[in-house]
Each structure stands twice: as structure tokens, then as C-alpha cells.
């Protein structure tokens, strides 16, 4: 019962809700959104293994960051990364392709580059917020 009177609980719960809601929708629609934006199928397929690496590195880094700062700061960074990643999606749809072919797999193509940037931000965000969730609930509740 005491937990429901804690302002900190609601701050972290709402933050968790934002990450879960927007993150789930993003990952569910990732392939179709990226393909609609003109990102090549090859790039879309390489994003998933990249996310696995980003997730591991993000978990390790955010765990260290929680030790040297606070959970609040790491959650703020995670939410910021999430907002940057989501803001880049419409930008990816609006910018023109820098290549002349429609099936370009080049990293130098603006859309492909932004696809990797979006995935990096979203993957890091998930790692940061997952670590905060694990430490907050274990430590305080």
C-alpha cells in the first residue's frame, strides 16, 4: 500500500509506460515503416543483428552509468534517446535519397544512414530504461 503514496513510483511507472507503448509500436511496425521510407530490404535485415549488439553494449554501459550517477539520470537519457529515435522516423520519410537506384544498400544513402541512427537510438533507449526498471523496482519496491 505504501508504494501507491510514493511520487517516485508514479514518475518511473509513467516513464516505463511511455517506453513500453512507443517502443512496442515502433518495433512492431519497423519493417513496414522503413520499407515505406525507401530503406532497402538489406539494410532493414541488418538492423536486427545490430540491435542485439547495441542492446548488450547499452545494458553494460547503462548499468555502469547507474552506479556512478542515479537511476533518474539514466531514465532521462533513455527517454531522450527514445524521443530522438522517434523524431528521426518522419525525417527519414521526408528526405530525398542520395542515390539514383531504388535498391541501394549503401550506408551513404541518407535514408539508410537515418535508419541505422533510429535503430541505434531506440535500441539504446530500451537498454537504458530496462536497466533502470530492474534496479528501481528491486531496490525500492
C-alpha atoms as a PDB file:
ATOM      1  CA  UNK A   1       0.000   0.000   0.000  1.00  0.00           C
ATOM      2  CA  UNK A   2       2.843   2.361   0.773  1.00  0.00           C
ATOM      3  CA  UNK A   3       4.063   2.232  -2.807  1.00  0.00           C
ATOM      4  CA  UNK A   4       0.915   3.987  -4.068  1.00  0.00           C
ATOM      5  CA  UNK A   5       1.744   7.043  -1.980  1.00  0.00           C
ATOM      6  CA  UNK A   6       5.200   7.423  -3.486  1.00  0.00           C
ATOM      7  CA  UNK A   7       5.563  10.125  -6.142  1.00  0.00           C
ATOM      8  CA  UNK A   8       8.751   8.476  -7.410  1.00  0.00           C
ATOM      9  CA  UNK A   9       6.837   5.274  -8.163  1.00  0.00           C
ATOM     10  CA  UNK A  10       4.440   7.132 -10.452  1.00  0.00           C
ATOM     11  CA  UNK A  11       7.242   9.004 -12.212  1.00  0.00           C
ATOM     12  CA  UNK A  12       9.037   5.764 -13.038  1.00  0.00           C
ATOM     13  CA  UNK A  13       5.793   3.930 -13.852  1.00  0.00           C
ATOM     14  CA  UNK A  14       4.697   6.606 -16.344  1.00  0.00           C
ATOM     15  CA  UNK A  15       8.177   6.667 -17.872  1.00  0.00           C
ATOM     16  CA  UNK A  16       8.033   2.901 -18.218  1.00  0.00           C
ATOM     17  CA  UNK A  17       4.601   3.142 -19.803  1.00  0.00           C
ATOM     18  CA  UNK A  18       5.871   5.647 -22.388  1.00  0.00           C
ATOM     19  CA  UNK A  19       8.839   3.454 -23.286  1.00  0.00           C
ATOM     20  CA  UNK A  20       6.711   0.313 -23.478  1.00  0.00           C
ATOM     21  CA  UNK A  21       3.947   1.884 -25.554  1.00  0.00           C
ATOM     22  CA  UNK A  22       6.050   3.743 -28.083  1.00  0.00           C
ATOM     23  CA  UNK A  23       8.758   1.102 -28.227  1.00  0.00           C
ATOM     24  CA  UNK A  24       6.342  -1.751 -28.858  1.00  0.00           C
ATOM     25  CA  UNK A  25       4.572   0.145 -31.621  1.00  0.00           C
ATOM     26  CA  UNK A  26       7.910   1.063 -33.197  1.00  0.00           C
ATOM     27  CA  UNK A  27       9.305  -2.489 -33.219  1.00  0.00           C
ATOM     28  CA  UNK A  28       6.032  -3.910 -34.479  1.00  0.00           C
ATOM     29  CA  UNK A  29       5.956  -1.523 -37.459  1.00  0.00           C
ATOM     30  CA  UNK A  30       9.720  -1.227 -38.052  1.00  0.00           C
ATOM     31  CA  UNK A  31       9.935  -3.250 -41.262  1.00  0.00           C
ATOM     32  CA  UNK A  32       6.932  -1.673 -42.986  1.00  0.00           C
ATOM     33  CA  UNK A  33       7.823   1.869 -41.911  1.00  0.00           C
ATOM     34  CA  UNK A  34      11.414   1.578 -43.071  1.00  0.00           C
ATOM     35  CA  UNK A  35      10.424  -0.007 -46.378  1.00  0.00           C
ATOM     36  CA  UNK A  36       7.819   2.699 -46.946  1.00  0.00           C
ATOM     37  CA  UNK A  37      10.555   5.266 -46.324  1.00  0.00           C
ATOM     38  CA  UNK A  38      12.671   3.804 -49.101  1.00  0.00           C
ATOM     39  CA  UNK A  39      15.168   1.966 -46.898  1.00  0.00           C
ATOM     40  CA  UNK A  40      16.439  -1.111 -48.688  1.00  0.00           C
ATOM     41  CA  UNK A  41      15.440  -4.610 -47.565  1.00  0.00           C
ATOM     42  CA  UNK A  42      19.087  -5.465 -46.960  1.00  0.00           C
ATOM     43  CA  UNK A  43      19.503  -2.553 -44.569  1.00  0.00           C
ATOM     44  CA  UNK A  44      16.288  -3.440 -42.743  1.00  0.00           C
ATOM     45  CA  UNK A  45      17.548  -7.015 -42.331  1.00  0.00           C
ATOM     46  CA  UNK A  46      20.930  -5.888 -40.975  1.00  0.00           C
ATOM     47  CA  UNK A  47      19.295  -3.652 -38.381  1.00  0.00           C
ATOM     48  CA  UNK A  48      18.113  -6.603 -36.275  1.00  0.00           C
ATOM     49  CA  UNK A  49      21.588  -8.090 -35.594  1.00  0.00           C
ATOM     50  CA  UNK A  50      22.905  -4.584 -34.971  1.00  0.00           C
ATOM     51  CA  UNK A  51      20.199  -4.140 -32.328  1.00  0.00           C
ATOM     52  CA  UNK A  52      21.395  -7.238 -30.487  1.00  0.00           C
ATOM     53  CA  UNK A  53      24.877  -5.751 -30.186  1.00  0.00           C
ATOM     54  CA  UNK A  54      23.508  -2.333 -29.231  1.00  0.00           C
ATOM     55  CA  UNK A  55      21.351  -3.959 -26.570  1.00  0.00           C
ATOM     56  CA  UNK A  56      24.288  -5.730 -24.907  1.00  0.00           C
ATOM     57  CA  UNK A  57      26.539  -2.670 -25.030  1.00  0.00           C
ATOM     58  CA  UNK A  58      23.680  -0.429 -23.862  1.00  0.00           C
ATOM     59  CA  UNK A  59      22.924  -2.690 -20.917  1.00  0.00           C
ATOM     60  CA  UNK A  60      26.542  -2.771 -19.798  1.00  0.00           C
ATOM     61  CA  UNK A  61      27.062   0.971 -20.236  1.00  0.00           C
ATOM     62  CA  UNK A  62      23.796   1.971 -18.581  1.00  0.00           C
ATOM     63  CA  UNK A  63      24.498  -0.387 -15.671  1.00  0.00           C
ATOM     64  CA  UNK A  64      27.810   1.339 -15.107  1.00  0.00           C
ATOM     65  CA  UNK A  65      26.133   4.732 -15.508  1.00  0.00           C
ATOM     66  CA  UNK A  66      23.540   3.846 -12.860  1.00  0.00           C
ATOM     67  CA  UNK A  67      26.399   3.012 -10.481  1.00  0.00           C
ATOM     68  CA  UNK A  68      28.141   6.359 -10.987  1.00  0.00           C
ATOM     69  CA  UNK A  69      25.088   8.639 -11.320  1.00  0.00           C
ATOM     70  CA  UNK A  70      21.461   7.924 -10.489  1.00  0.00           C
ATOM     71  CA  UNK A  71      18.594   5.959 -11.939  1.00  0.00           C
ATOM     72  CA  UNK A  72      16.771   9.210 -12.631  1.00  0.00           C
ATOM     73  CA  UNK A  73      19.540  10.462 -14.904  1.00  0.00           C
ATOM     74  CA  UNK A  74      19.780   7.171 -16.794  1.00  0.00           C
ATOM     75  CA  UNK A  75      15.982   7.111 -17.257  1.00  0.00           C
ATOM     76  CA  UNK A  76      16.147  10.687 -18.568  1.00  0.00           C
ATOM     77  CA  UNK A  77      18.830   9.682 -21.054  1.00  0.00           C
ATOM     78  CA  UNK A  78      16.747   6.687 -22.130  1.00  0.00           C
ATOM     79  CA  UNK A  79      13.653   8.829 -22.678  1.00  0.00           C
ATOM     80  CA  UNK A  80      15.714  11.393 -24.574  1.00  0.00           C
ATOM     81  CA  UNK A  81      17.161   8.706 -26.863  1.00  0.00           C
ATOM     82  CA  UNK A  82      13.657   7.363 -27.446  1.00  0.00           C
ATOM     83  CA  UNK A  83      12.389  10.796 -28.439  1.00  0.00           C
ATOM     84  CA  UNK A  84      15.329  11.356 -30.798  1.00  0.00           C
ATOM     85  CA  UNK A  85      14.781   7.961 -32.419  1.00  0.00           C
ATOM     86  CA  UNK A  86      11.077   8.561 -32.901  1.00  0.00           C
ATOM     87  CA  UNK A  87      11.678  12.095 -34.227  1.00  0.00           C
ATOM     88  CA  UNK A  88      14.063  10.739 -36.867  1.00  0.00           C
ATOM     89  CA  UNK A  89      11.410   8.431 -38.362  1.00  0.00           C
ATOM     90  CA  UNK A  90       9.414  11.204 -40.094  1.00  0.00           C
ATOM     91  CA  UNK A  91      12.686  12.875 -41.099  1.00  0.00           C
ATOM     92  CA  UNK A  92      13.723   9.628 -42.768  1.00  0.00           C
ATOM     93  CA  UNK A  93      10.479   9.643 -44.737  1.00  0.00           C
ATOM     94  CA  UNK A  94      10.859  13.253 -45.895  1.00  0.00           C
ATOM     95  CA  UNK A  95      14.470  13.447 -47.022  1.00  0.00           C
ATOM     96  CA  UNK A  96      15.356  12.596 -50.598  1.00  0.00           C
ATOM     97  CA  UNK A  97      17.510   9.594 -51.344  1.00  0.00           C
ATOM     98  CA  UNK A  98      21.089  10.461 -52.267  1.00  0.00           C
ATOM     99  CA  UNK A  99      21.400   7.563 -54.668  1.00  0.00           C
ATOM    100  CA  UNK A 100      19.891   7.102 -58.103  1.00  0.00           C
ATOM    101  CA  UNK A 101      18.834   3.475 -57.747  1.00  0.00           C
ATOM    102  CA  UNK A 102      15.806   2.342 -55.805  1.00  0.00           C
ATOM    103  CA  UNK A 103      17.525  -0.688 -54.285  1.00  0.00           C
ATOM    104  CA  UNK A 104      20.608   0.990 -52.916  1.00  0.00           C
ATOM    105  CA  UNK A 105      22.190  -0.738 -49.950  1.00  0.00           C
ATOM    106  CA  UNK A 106      24.803   1.958 -49.481  1.00  0.00           C
ATOM    107  CA  UNK A 107      25.331   3.226 -45.950  1.00  0.00           C
ATOM    108  CA  UNK A 108      25.935   6.629 -47.537  1.00  0.00           C
ATOM    109  CA  UNK A 109      22.314   6.897 -48.631  1.00  0.00           C
ATOM    110  CA  UNK A 110      20.602   9.390 -46.286  1.00  0.00           C
ATOM    111  CA  UNK A 111      17.658   7.115 -45.597  1.00  0.00           C
ATOM    112  CA  UNK A 112      19.807   4.108 -44.794  1.00  0.00           C
ATOM    113  CA  UNK A 113      22.009   6.201 -42.510  1.00  0.00           C
ATOM    114  CA  UNK A 114      18.950   7.534 -40.662  1.00  0.00           C
ATOM    115  CA  UNK A 115      17.535   4.004 -40.385  1.00  0.00           C
ATOM    116  CA  UNK A 116      20.684   2.942 -38.544  1.00  0.00           C
ATOM    117  CA  UNK A 117      20.563   6.093 -36.373  1.00  0.00           C
ATOM    118  CA  UNK A 118      16.915   5.417 -35.467  1.00  0.00           C
ATOM    119  CA  UNK A 119      17.704   1.813 -34.558  1.00  0.00           C
ATOM    120  CA  UNK A 120      20.724   2.868 -32.503  1.00  0.00           C
ATOM    121  CA  UNK A 121      18.693   5.408 -30.512  1.00  0.00           C
ATOM    122  CA  UNK A 122      15.724   3.102 -29.988  1.00  0.00           C
ATOM    123  CA  UNK A 123      17.876   0.106 -29.046  1.00  0.00           C
ATOM    124  CA  UNK A 124      19.947   2.136 -26.597  1.00  0.00           C
ATOM    125  CA  UNK A 125      16.828   3.643 -25.106  1.00  0.00           C
ATOM    126  CA  UNK A 126      15.336   0.239 -24.448  1.00  0.00           C
ATOM    127  CA  UNK A 127      18.524  -0.954 -22.768  1.00  0.00           C
ATOM    128  CA  UNK A 128      18.819   2.110 -20.569  1.00  0.00           C
ATOM    129  CA  UNK A 129      15.206   2.007 -19.439  1.00  0.00           C
ATOM    130  CA  UNK A 130      15.214  -1.754 -18.866  1.00  0.00           C
ATOM    131  CA  UNK A 131      18.207  -1.438 -16.553  1.00  0.00           C
ATOM    132  CA  UNK A 132      16.545   1.385 -14.657  1.00  0.00           C
ATOM    133  CA  UNK A 133      13.366  -0.666 -14.312  1.00  0.00           C
ATOM    134  CA  UNK A 134      15.301  -3.639 -12.959  1.00  0.00           C
ATOM    135  CA  UNK A 135      17.268  -1.614 -10.424  1.00  0.00           C
ATOM    136  CA  UNK A 136      14.477   0.682  -9.267  1.00  0.00           C
ATOM    137  CA  UNK A 137      11.920  -1.982  -8.522  1.00  0.00           C
ATOM    138  CA  UNK A 138      14.484  -4.290  -6.923  1.00  0.00           C
ATOM    139  CA  UNK A 139      15.998  -1.563  -4.759  1.00  0.00           C
ATOM    140  CA  UNK A 140      12.968   0.442  -3.693  1.00  0.00           C
ATOM    141  CA  UNK A 141       9.871  -1.714  -4.053  1.00  0.00           C
END
